[in-house]
């Protein structure tokens, strides 16, 4: 997506993690590789007589008896000797991280963020060389190491803000904000002119807070920023004169909470209930990925009021939005050869034929497929996705991120601490950013990336 989406402007018609635990270095041996390469598979034609019993671990507990059941029925009509059983896991990241330390956890899972890129080959079968996938799928480098792809995205997410148009209209907001301060002013209008909660943090759910990390690339407009610049920059969490970059993202959150523009008691937030409340017009907006939009539209009678807007940061007068991979499908490296083949055929069906991404409000993985029409507010926004790390620097981000204990994209604790400090006034925002800079610098020095 990097090269295509940096150049593309969307039109209407073409349009999460709760643990800091990291999978370690336990040695898990490989088994016989598959005889059929993923790139050569044709669903409905390849190996239609294959026999396999597949177990799939999923975080989407809400889809097991609905969409997933339909997908299984369609796939097994082409592969009658294959059985597929989904296991839904609520505390997904921590539970699956633990299960991966054994060999028999199942055949397919959504790869937890706790698995470092350099450890992927210990747990998952390679789908093949990136040189094939970069021309076929979007975001296929998300779970890549040493030019091998070990996980394929279930879909992509656009990082923005879900909002209720009726609430915005009642508040007198006539144009969508495109800077942090304009956004905060809009929240103040909601507070002054409506009975709605301006912005709902979903603090108590915890996993929802990792959404804030996903805006970093879009806040700079640079696909190299996260994996290739952030690891080398000194004090990357400092304020920029144009209020862009990581500082601007977390400043927006801190100020919204500190100014009383969020729910009164964040410890009592209710994720499932929040979908109903924003649908009903009792909440103005929530900072979540595009995956949330279909769920919120279905949560009440006012689905037509639910829309999606870019995160309010502009770079030189232009808005960008991060396009990131959702969970990636991984195939157990210890599964039998037949189970691996059947698993990859099913993954190919899910990504190319099932319609899952469009139904769930995501970016389809196959290049040039149709985009959700609710992205109409992104028509003048450029999507950017992270470039992979340079060769020899693949571990830099993970190592610095873990050693600094900031844990971007992996653990929401750092985001929760911003909310807590803003509520109690225990720390000024700049003090928090100074602490992050110090921790990041110490980690860079420990890794020998910077020397002073």
Protein backbone atom coordinates (compact mmCIF):
# COMPACT_ATOMS: atom_id res chain seq x y z
CA UNK A 1 0.00 0.00 0.00
CA UNK A 2 2.95 2.34 0.62
CA UNK A 3 3.70 3.41 -2.94
CA UNK A 4 0.15 3.22 -4.28
CA UNK A 5 -1.57 4.89 -1.36
CA UNK A 6 0.97 7.67 -0.97
CA UNK A 7 0.04 8.69 -4.49
CA UNK A 8 -3.69 7.98 -4.39
CA UNK A 9 -6.45 10.31 -3.23
CA UNK A 10 -9.50 8.37 -2.18
CA UNK A 11 -12.82 9.01 -3.87
CA UNK A 12 -16.23 8.04 -2.61
CA UNK A 13 -16.53 5.24 -5.07
CA UNK A 14 -13.05 3.80 -4.59
CA UNK A 15 -13.35 3.82 -1.37
CA UNK A 16 -5.84 -3.44 19.45
CA UNK A 17 -3.82 -5.27 23.12
CA UNK A 18 -3.61 -5.73 26.73
CA UNK A 19 -0.23 -7.21 27.57
CA UNK A 20 3.40 -6.23 27.41
CA UNK A 21 4.56 -9.85 27.48
CA UNK A 22 6.80 -10.77 24.57
CA UNK A 23 7.23 -14.22 23.08
CA UNK A 24 10.72 -15.33 23.89
CA UNK A 25 13.38 -17.44 22.27
CA UNK A 26 12.05 -20.95 22.99
CA UNK A 27 13.12 -23.31 20.21
CA UNK A 28 10.17 -24.73 18.30
CA UNK A 29 11.20 -27.12 15.57
CA UNK A 30 9.81 -27.06 12.05
CA UNK A 31 8.00 -29.90 10.37
CA UNK A 32 7.66 -30.95 6.75
CA UNK A 33 6.95 -28.00 4.49
CA UNK A 34 3.91 -27.90 2.26
CA UNK A 35 4.15 -29.21 -1.27
CA UNK A 36 2.00 -26.44 -2.80
CA UNK A 37 3.15 -22.82 -2.60
CA UNK A 38 0.57 -20.26 -1.49
CA UNK A 39 1.12 -18.16 -4.62
CA UNK A 40 0.17 -21.14 -6.81
CA UNK A 41 -3.03 -22.00 -4.93
CA UNK A 42 -6.41 -21.44 -6.60
CA UNK A 43 -9.33 -21.74 -4.21
CA UNK A 44 -11.85 -24.27 -5.47
CA UNK A 45 -9.34 -25.87 -7.83
CA UNK A 46 -6.23 -26.67 -5.81
CA UNK A 47 -6.28 -29.85 -3.71
CA UNK A 48 -10.08 -30.13 -3.55
CA UNK A 49 -9.82 -33.67 -2.16
CA UNK A 50 -7.55 -32.72 0.73
CA UNK A 51 -8.49 -33.99 4.20
CA UNK A 52 -7.89 -31.76 7.19
CA UNK A 53 -9.36 -30.74 10.53
CA UNK A 54 -8.59 -27.10 11.22
CA UNK A 55 -8.79 -25.23 14.51
CA UNK A 56 -8.75 -21.43 14.25
CA UNK A 57 -8.24 -19.04 17.17
CA UNK A 58 -10.00 -15.70 16.79
CA UNK A 59 -10.55 -12.49 18.72
CA UNK A 60 -13.85 -11.90 16.87
CA UNK A 61 -16.07 -13.82 19.25
CA UNK A 62 -19.06 -11.92 17.86
CA UNK A 63 -18.73 -13.43 14.38
CA UNK A 64 -18.35 -17.14 15.11
CA UNK A 65 -22.03 -18.03 14.71
CA UNK A 66 -22.72 -15.53 11.94
CA UNK A 67 -20.19 -14.43 9.32
CA UNK A 68 -17.58 -17.06 10.12
CA UNK A 69 -20.21 -19.79 9.97
CA UNK A 70 -21.18 -18.61 6.49
CA UNK A 71 -17.54 -18.55 5.37
CA UNK A 72 -16.95 -22.06 6.65
CA UNK A 73 -20.03 -23.37 4.86
CA UNK A 74 -19.00 -21.78 1.57
CA UNK A 75 -15.42 -23.00 1.80
CA UNK A 76 -16.28 -26.56 2.83
CA UNK A 77 -18.73 -26.82 -0.05
CA UNK A 78 -15.60 -26.67 -2.22
CA UNK A 79 -13.53 -28.76 0.21
CA UNK A 80 -15.93 -31.37 1.64
CA UNK A 81 -13.17 -33.28 3.46
CA UNK A 82 -12.07 -30.24 5.46
CA UNK A 83 -13.64 -29.35 8.81
CA UNK A 84 -13.10 -25.96 10.41
CA UNK A 85 -13.73 -25.06 14.03
CA UNK A 86 -13.35 -21.52 15.39
CA UNK A 87 -12.47 -20.87 19.01
CA UNK A 88 -13.27 -17.38 20.21
CA UNK A 89 -10.98 -15.93 22.85
CA UNK A 90 -11.97 -12.82 24.78
CA UNK A 91 -8.63 -12.04 26.45
CA UNK A 92 -6.99 -12.69 23.12
CA UNK A 93 -3.49 -11.23 23.27
CA UNK A 94 -2.41 -12.64 26.61
CA UNK A 95 -4.12 -16.03 26.20
CA UNK A 96 -2.78 -16.69 22.70
CA UNK A 97 0.69 -15.46 23.69
CA UNK A 98 0.70 -18.20 26.33
CA UNK A 99 -0.68 -20.85 23.98
CA UNK A 100 2.00 -20.23 21.38
CA UNK A 101 4.59 -21.60 23.78
CA UNK A 102 3.13 -25.04 23.03
CA UNK A 103 3.07 -26.77 19.66
CA UNK A 104 -0.55 -27.87 19.51
CA UNK A 105 -2.50 -24.65 19.97
CA UNK A 106 -4.35 -25.12 16.68
CA UNK A 107 -3.69 -24.46 13.00
CA UNK A 108 -4.50 -20.78 12.37
CA UNK A 109 -4.50 -17.77 14.64
CA UNK A 110 -4.46 -14.01 14.47
CA UNK A 111 -0.80 -13.34 15.29
CA UNK A 112 -0.51 -11.46 18.62
CA UNK A 113 1.44 -8.20 18.70
CA UNK A 114 3.64 -9.78 21.36
CA UNK A 115 5.45 -11.91 18.77
CA UNK A 116 8.53 -10.03 17.61
CA UNK A 117 9.24 -10.06 13.90
CA UNK A 118 12.49 -11.93 14.36
CA UNK A 119 10.63 -14.74 16.17
CA UNK A 120 7.90 -15.29 13.57
CA UNK A 121 9.62 -18.25 11.90
CA UNK A 122 9.66 -20.14 15.20
CA UNK A 123 5.88 -20.23 15.37
CA UNK A 124 4.48 -19.72 11.89
CA UNK A 125 4.86 -21.21 8.43
CA UNK A 126 6.09 -18.84 5.73
CA UNK A 127 3.59 -17.91 3.02
CA UNK A 128 6.49 -17.15 0.68
CA UNK A 129 8.74 -14.32 -0.44
CA UNK A 130 7.63 -10.72 -0.06
CA UNK A 131 8.56 -10.07 -3.69
CA UNK A 132 5.36 -11.89 -4.71
CA UNK A 133 3.02 -10.44 -2.10
CA UNK A 134 4.02 -6.80 -2.51
CA UNK A 135 2.48 -6.84 -5.99
CA UNK A 136 -0.70 -8.65 -4.98
CA UNK A 137 -1.72 -7.69 -1.43
CA UNK A 138 -1.77 -4.49 0.56
CA UNK A 139 0.09 -4.35 3.90
CA UNK A 140 1.69 -7.75 3.28
CA UNK A 141 4.91 -6.68 4.99
CA UNK A 142 3.19 -6.36 8.37
CA UNK A 143 4.44 -9.76 9.53
CA UNK A 144 7.54 -10.03 7.37
CA UNK A 145 11.08 -10.84 8.43
CA UNK A 146 14.14 -11.35 6.23
CA UNK A 147 11.93 -10.98 3.15
CA UNK A 148 9.65 -13.86 4.22
CA UNK A 149 5.95 -13.28 4.89
CA UNK A 150 4.67 -15.16 7.94
CA UNK A 151 1.25 -13.58 8.32
CA UNK A 152 -1.34 -12.12 5.95
CA UNK A 153 -3.65 -9.31 7.10
CA UNK A 154 -7.31 -10.16 7.60
CA UNK A 155 -7.94 -6.59 6.41
CA UNK A 156 -6.48 -3.12 6.72
CA UNK A 157 -7.71 -0.36 9.00
CA UNK A 158 -7.84 3.35 8.34
CA UNK A 159 -7.06 5.30 11.50
CA UNK A 160 -9.56 8.06 12.16
CA UNK A 161 -12.40 9.03 14.48
CA UNK A 162 -15.94 7.68 14.46
CA UNK A 163 -18.50 10.41 15.11
CA UNK A 164 -22.21 11.12 15.24
CA UNK A 165 -23.18 13.63 12.54
CA UNK A 166 -26.39 14.62 14.33
CA UNK A 167 -24.46 15.56 17.47
CA UNK A 168 -21.93 17.58 15.45
CA UNK A 169 -24.75 19.40 13.66
CA UNK A 170 -26.55 20.17 16.90
CA UNK A 171 -23.31 21.50 18.37
CA UNK A 172 -22.92 23.89 15.45
CA UNK A 173 -19.84 22.22 13.95
CA UNK A 174 -20.04 23.05 10.26
CA UNK A 175 -16.59 21.86 9.16
CA UNK A 176 -14.58 18.91 10.36
CA UNK A 177 -11.51 19.97 12.38
CA UNK A 178 -8.08 19.29 10.91
CA UNK A 179 -5.79 20.39 13.76
CA UNK A 180 -5.71 19.30 17.43
CA UNK A 181 -6.82 22.70 18.71
CA UNK A 182 -9.70 22.89 16.23
CA UNK A 183 -10.77 19.43 17.38
CA UNK A 184 -10.66 20.48 21.04
CA UNK A 185 -12.75 23.54 20.17
CA UNK A 186 -15.27 21.27 18.47
CA UNK A 187 -15.49 19.09 21.57
CA UNK A 188 -16.13 22.24 23.62
CA UNK A 189 -19.02 23.13 21.29
CA UNK A 190 -20.53 19.69 21.89
CA UNK A 191 -20.20 20.19 25.64
CA UNK A 192 -21.76 23.65 25.50
CA UNK A 193 -24.59 23.02 23.03
CA UNK A 194 -25.67 19.40 23.51
CA UNK A 195 -26.24 16.83 26.23
CA UNK A 196 -23.77 14.40 24.63
CA UNK A 197 -20.40 13.37 26.02
CA UNK A 198 -18.02 15.08 23.57
CA UNK A 199 -15.41 12.31 23.36
CA UNK A 200 -15.62 8.88 24.98
CA UNK A 201 -12.24 7.35 25.94
CA UNK A 202 -13.28 3.73 26.59
CA UNK A 203 -10.59 3.75 29.27
CA UNK A 204 -11.94 0.77 31.20
CA UNK A 205 -11.81 -1.55 28.19
CA UNK A 206 -8.06 -0.89 28.00
CA UNK A 207 -7.43 -2.55 24.62
CA UNK A 208 -9.29 0.27 22.87
CA UNK A 209 -6.60 2.73 23.99
CA UNK A 210 -3.99 1.26 21.65
CA UNK A 211 -5.85 3.01 18.83
CA UNK A 212 -4.01 6.21 19.79
CA UNK A 213 -0.65 4.70 18.80
CA UNK A 214 -1.88 3.90 15.32
CA UNK A 215 -2.03 7.58 14.33
CA UNK A 216 1.73 8.16 14.52
CA UNK A 217 2.48 7.55 10.84
CA UNK A 218 -0.47 9.64 9.68
CA UNK A 219 0.57 12.46 12.02
CA UNK A 220 3.81 12.85 10.05
CA UNK A 221 2.72 11.85 6.53
CA UNK A 222 5.94 9.84 6.27
CA UNK A 223 5.78 6.06 5.69
CA UNK A 224 9.38 5.75 6.92
CA UNK A 225 8.73 7.50 10.21
CA UNK A 226 7.79 4.66 12.52
CA UNK A 227 10.21 1.89 11.54
CA UNK A 228 13.11 3.85 10.09
CA UNK A 229 13.17 7.32 11.69
CA UNK A 230 11.67 6.95 15.15
CA UNK A 231 14.40 4.51 16.18
CA UNK A 232 17.12 7.03 15.31
CA UNK A 233 15.50 10.32 16.31
CA UNK A 234 16.54 12.09 19.47
CA UNK A 235 13.60 12.98 21.71
CA UNK A 236 10.89 11.96 19.22
CA UNK A 237 8.08 12.77 21.67
CA UNK A 238 8.94 16.47 21.86
CA UNK A 239 6.56 19.16 20.60
CA UNK A 240 6.93 20.19 16.97
CA UNK A 241 6.26 23.82 16.02
CA UNK A 242 3.51 22.76 13.60
CA UNK A 243 1.91 20.46 16.20
CA UNK A 244 2.40 17.26 14.22
CA UNK A 245 3.96 13.92 15.12
CA UNK A 246 3.50 11.77 18.25
CA UNK A 247 3.37 14.72 20.66
CA UNK A 248 0.33 16.15 18.88
CA UNK A 249 -1.59 12.87 19.13
CA UNK A 250 -1.23 12.38 22.86
CA UNK A 251 -1.60 16.13 23.50
CA UNK A 252 -5.08 15.86 21.94
CA UNK A 253 -6.02 13.09 24.37
CA UNK A 254 -4.53 14.75 27.45
CA UNK A 255 -6.19 18.10 26.77
CA UNK A 256 -9.59 16.55 26.01
CA UNK A 257 -9.56 14.75 29.36
CA UNK A 258 -8.00 17.60 31.32
CA UNK A 259 -10.56 20.10 30.00
CA UNK A 260 -13.46 17.85 31.02
CA UNK A 261 -14.48 17.00 27.48
CA UNK A 262 -14.73 13.25 28.07
CA UNK A 263 -16.86 11.00 30.28
CA UNK A 264 -17.01 12.00 33.95
CA UNK A 265 -15.55 8.75 35.32
CA UNK A 266 -13.37 6.82 32.85
CA UNK A 267 -13.14 3.81 35.17
CA UNK A 268 -16.81 3.07 34.51
CA UNK A 269 -16.73 3.15 30.70
CA UNK A 270 -18.46 0.29 28.90
CA UNK A 271 -17.24 -0.75 25.45
CA UNK A 272 -20.38 -2.59 24.34
CA UNK A 273 -22.60 0.10 25.79
CA UNK A 274 -20.59 2.86 24.12
CA UNK A 275 -21.54 1.57 20.68
CA UNK A 276 -25.21 1.91 21.59
CA UNK A 277 -24.68 5.34 23.17
CA UNK A 278 -22.89 6.94 20.23
CA UNK A 279 -25.49 5.48 17.86
CA UNK A 280 -28.18 7.08 20.01
CA UNK A 281 -26.45 10.47 20.01
CA UNK A 282 -25.34 10.39 23.63
CA UNK A 283 -21.66 10.47 22.62
CA UNK A 284 -20.13 12.80 20.06
CA UNK A 285 -17.11 10.79 18.95
CA UNK A 286 -14.69 7.99 19.78
CA UNK A 287 -11.10 7.49 18.62
CA UNK A 288 -11.13 4.05 17.00
CA UNK A 289 -10.09 2.34 13.78
CA UNK A 290 -12.41 2.06 10.80
CA UNK A 291 -13.26 -1.50 11.86
CA UNK A 292 -15.55 0.01 14.52
CA UNK A 293 -17.89 1.76 12.11
CA UNK A 294 -20.01 -1.24 10.98
CA UNK A 295 -20.41 -2.36 14.59
CA UNK A 296 -21.57 1.07 15.73
CA UNK A 297 -23.92 1.50 12.77
CA UNK A 298 -25.61 -1.77 13.76
CA UNK A 299 -25.81 -0.87 17.46
CA UNK A 300 -29.07 1.08 17.22
CA UNK A 301 -31.63 2.74 14.99
CA UNK A 302 -29.47 5.69 13.95
CA UNK A 303 -26.82 4.02 11.81
CA UNK A 304 -27.12 6.74 9.17
CA UNK A 305 -25.85 9.28 11.74
CA UNK A 306 -22.55 7.42 12.15
CA UNK A 307 -19.62 8.65 10.06
CA UNK A 308 -15.84 8.51 10.07
CA UNK A 309 -13.40 11.41 9.86
CA UNK A 310 -9.62 11.80 9.67
CA UNK A 311 -7.63 12.36 12.86
CA UNK A 312 -7.25 16.16 13.22
CA UNK A 313 -3.60 16.71 12.30
CA UNK A 314 -2.37 18.45 9.16
CA UNK A 315 1.14 18.40 7.71
CA UNK A 316 1.89 21.49 5.64
CA UNK A 317 -1.84 22.02 5.18
CA UNK A 318 -2.59 18.46 4.07
CA UNK A 319 -4.11 15.59 6.02
CA UNK A 320 -2.78 12.05 6.06
CA UNK A 321 -4.22 8.94 7.68
CA UNK A 322 -2.41 5.85 8.83
CA UNK A 323 -3.39 2.69 7.00
CA UNK A 324 -2.44 -0.26 9.14
CA UNK A 325 -2.89 -3.97 9.13
CA UNK A 326 -5.53 -5.53 11.30
CA UNK A 327 -4.66 -8.89 12.84
CA UNK A 328 -2.69 -11.12 10.47
CA UNK A 329 -3.50 -14.78 9.89
CA UNK A 330 -0.66 -17.11 10.81
CA UNK A 331 -0.38 -20.85 10.19
CA UNK A 332 1.12 -23.08 12.87
CA UNK A 333 4.57 -24.21 11.76
CA UNK A 334 3.96 -27.50 13.62
CA UNK A 335 0.73 -28.42 11.84
CA UNK A 336 0.71 -31.34 9.43
CA UNK A 337 1.46 -30.67 5.77
CA UNK A 338 -2.20 -31.25 4.81
CA UNK A 339 -3.47 -28.97 7.55
CA UNK A 340 -1.05 -26.25 6.44
CA UNK A 341 -2.26 -26.54 2.85
CA UNK A 342 -5.92 -26.47 3.87
CA UNK A 343 -5.28 -23.57 6.25
CA UNK A 344 -3.60 -21.49 3.56
CA UNK A 345 -6.37 -22.25 1.08
CA UNK A 346 -8.91 -21.05 3.64
CA UNK A 347 -6.88 -17.90 4.33
CA UNK A 348 -6.71 -17.24 0.60
CA UNK A 349 -10.48 -17.61 0.43
CA UNK A 350 -10.96 -15.23 3.37
CA UNK A 351 -8.70 -12.54 1.96
CA UNK A 352 -9.69 -12.77 -1.70
CA UNK A 353 -13.27 -14.05 -1.93
CA UNK A 354 -15.24 -13.87 1.31
CA UNK A 355 -15.90 -10.12 1.45
CA UNK A 356 -14.83 -10.07 5.11
CA UNK A 357 -12.85 -6.82 4.94
CA UNK A 358 -15.62 -4.80 3.30
CA UNK A 359 -18.23 -6.20 5.69
CA UNK A 360 -16.10 -5.23 8.70
CA UNK A 361 -15.29 -1.70 7.57
CA UNK A 362 -11.73 -2.43 6.55
CA UNK A 363 -9.47 -1.98 3.57
CA UNK A 364 -9.53 -5.10 1.39
CA UNK A 365 -6.12 -6.74 1.17
CA UNK A 366 -6.23 -7.45 -2.55
CA UNK A 367 -4.91 -4.44 -4.42
CA UNK A 368 -7.52 -2.24 -6.14
CA UNK A 369 -10.50 -3.92 -4.47
CA UNK A 370 -13.46 -1.74 -3.45
CA UNK A 371 -13.24 0.47 -0.35
CA UNK A 372 -16.06 1.08 2.20
CA UNK A 373 -18.26 4.02 1.18
CA UNK A 374 -18.23 5.49 4.70
CA UNK A 375 -14.71 6.77 3.99
CA UNK A 376 -16.22 9.69 2.07
CA UNK A 377 -14.71 12.19 4.54
CA UNK A 378 -11.27 10.92 3.45
CA UNK A 379 -11.67 12.01 -0.16
CA UNK A 380 -8.88 14.61 0.18
CA UNK A 381 -6.77 12.57 2.57
CA UNK A 382 -3.67 10.59 1.62
CA UNK A 383 -3.31 7.18 3.24
CA UNK A 384 0.14 6.14 4.37
CA UNK A 385 1.35 2.80 5.70
CA UNK A 386 4.62 1.93 7.38
CA UNK A 387 7.57 0.98 5.24
CA UNK A 388 9.46 -2.05 6.55
CA UNK A 389 12.68 -1.49 8.48
CA UNK A 390 15.94 -1.35 6.62
CA UNK A 391 17.90 -4.57 6.34
CA UNK A 392 19.91 -5.09 9.49
CA UNK A 393 17.58 -2.84 11.51
CA UNK A 394 14.54 -5.12 11.67
CA UNK A 395 14.77 -5.48 15.46
CA UNK A 396 15.43 -1.85 16.32
CA UNK A 397 11.84 -0.75 16.82
CA UNK A 398 10.77 -3.80 18.82
CA UNK A 399 13.88 -3.73 20.99
CA UNK A 400 13.72 -0.01 21.78
CA UNK A 401 9.95 -0.14 22.24
CA UNK A 402 10.22 -3.00 24.73
CA UNK A 403 13.29 -1.75 26.56
CA UNK A 404 11.83 1.74 26.99
CA UNK A 405 8.64 0.14 28.38
CA UNK A 406 6.55 2.58 26.35
CA UNK A 407 5.26 -0.35 24.30
CA UNK A 408 3.66 1.46 21.38
CA UNK A 409 1.06 -0.71 19.61
CA UNK A 410 1.47 -3.46 22.19
CA UNK A 411 0.42 -2.35 25.67
CA UNK A 412 -2.07 0.46 26.42
CA UNK A 413 -0.58 1.31 29.82
CA UNK A 414 1.21 4.42 28.54
CA UNK A 415 -2.04 5.77 27.07
CA UNK A 416 -3.95 4.98 30.24
CA UNK A 417 -1.36 6.89 32.25
CA UNK A 418 -1.98 9.99 30.13
CA UNK A 419 -5.69 9.81 30.93
CA UNK A 420 -5.01 9.27 34.63
CA UNK A 421 -2.57 12.18 34.82
CA UNK A 422 -5.01 14.45 32.98
CA UNK A 423 -7.84 13.60 35.37
CA UNK A 424 -5.89 14.09 38.57
CA UNK A 425 -3.46 16.77 37.36
CA UNK A 426 -0.68 14.64 38.80
CA UNK A 427 1.63 15.38 35.87
CA UNK A 428 1.74 18.04 33.21
CA UNK A 429 1.64 16.68 29.68
CA UNK A 430 5.14 17.93 28.83
CA UNK A 431 6.47 16.15 31.90
CA UNK A 432 5.10 12.86 30.57
CA UNK A 433 6.64 13.44 27.17
CA UNK A 434 9.99 14.26 28.81
CA UNK A 435 9.85 10.92 30.61
CA UNK A 436 9.10 9.09 27.36
CA UNK A 437 11.98 10.84 25.63
CA UNK A 438 14.36 9.88 28.43
CA UNK A 439 13.24 6.24 28.36
CA UNK A 440 13.47 6.09 24.55
CA UNK A 441 16.95 7.63 24.56
CA UNK A 442 18.18 5.21 27.22
CA UNK A 443 16.92 2.30 25.14
CA UNK A 444 18.58 3.69 21.99
CA UNK A 445 21.86 3.98 23.87
CA UNK A 446 21.56 0.44 25.25
CA UNK A 447 21.12 -0.86 21.72
CA UNK A 448 24.08 1.17 20.49
CA UNK A 449 21.89 3.12 18.06
CA UNK A 450 22.94 6.46 19.51
CA UNK A 451 26.02 7.06 21.62
CA UNK A 452 25.23 10.27 23.47
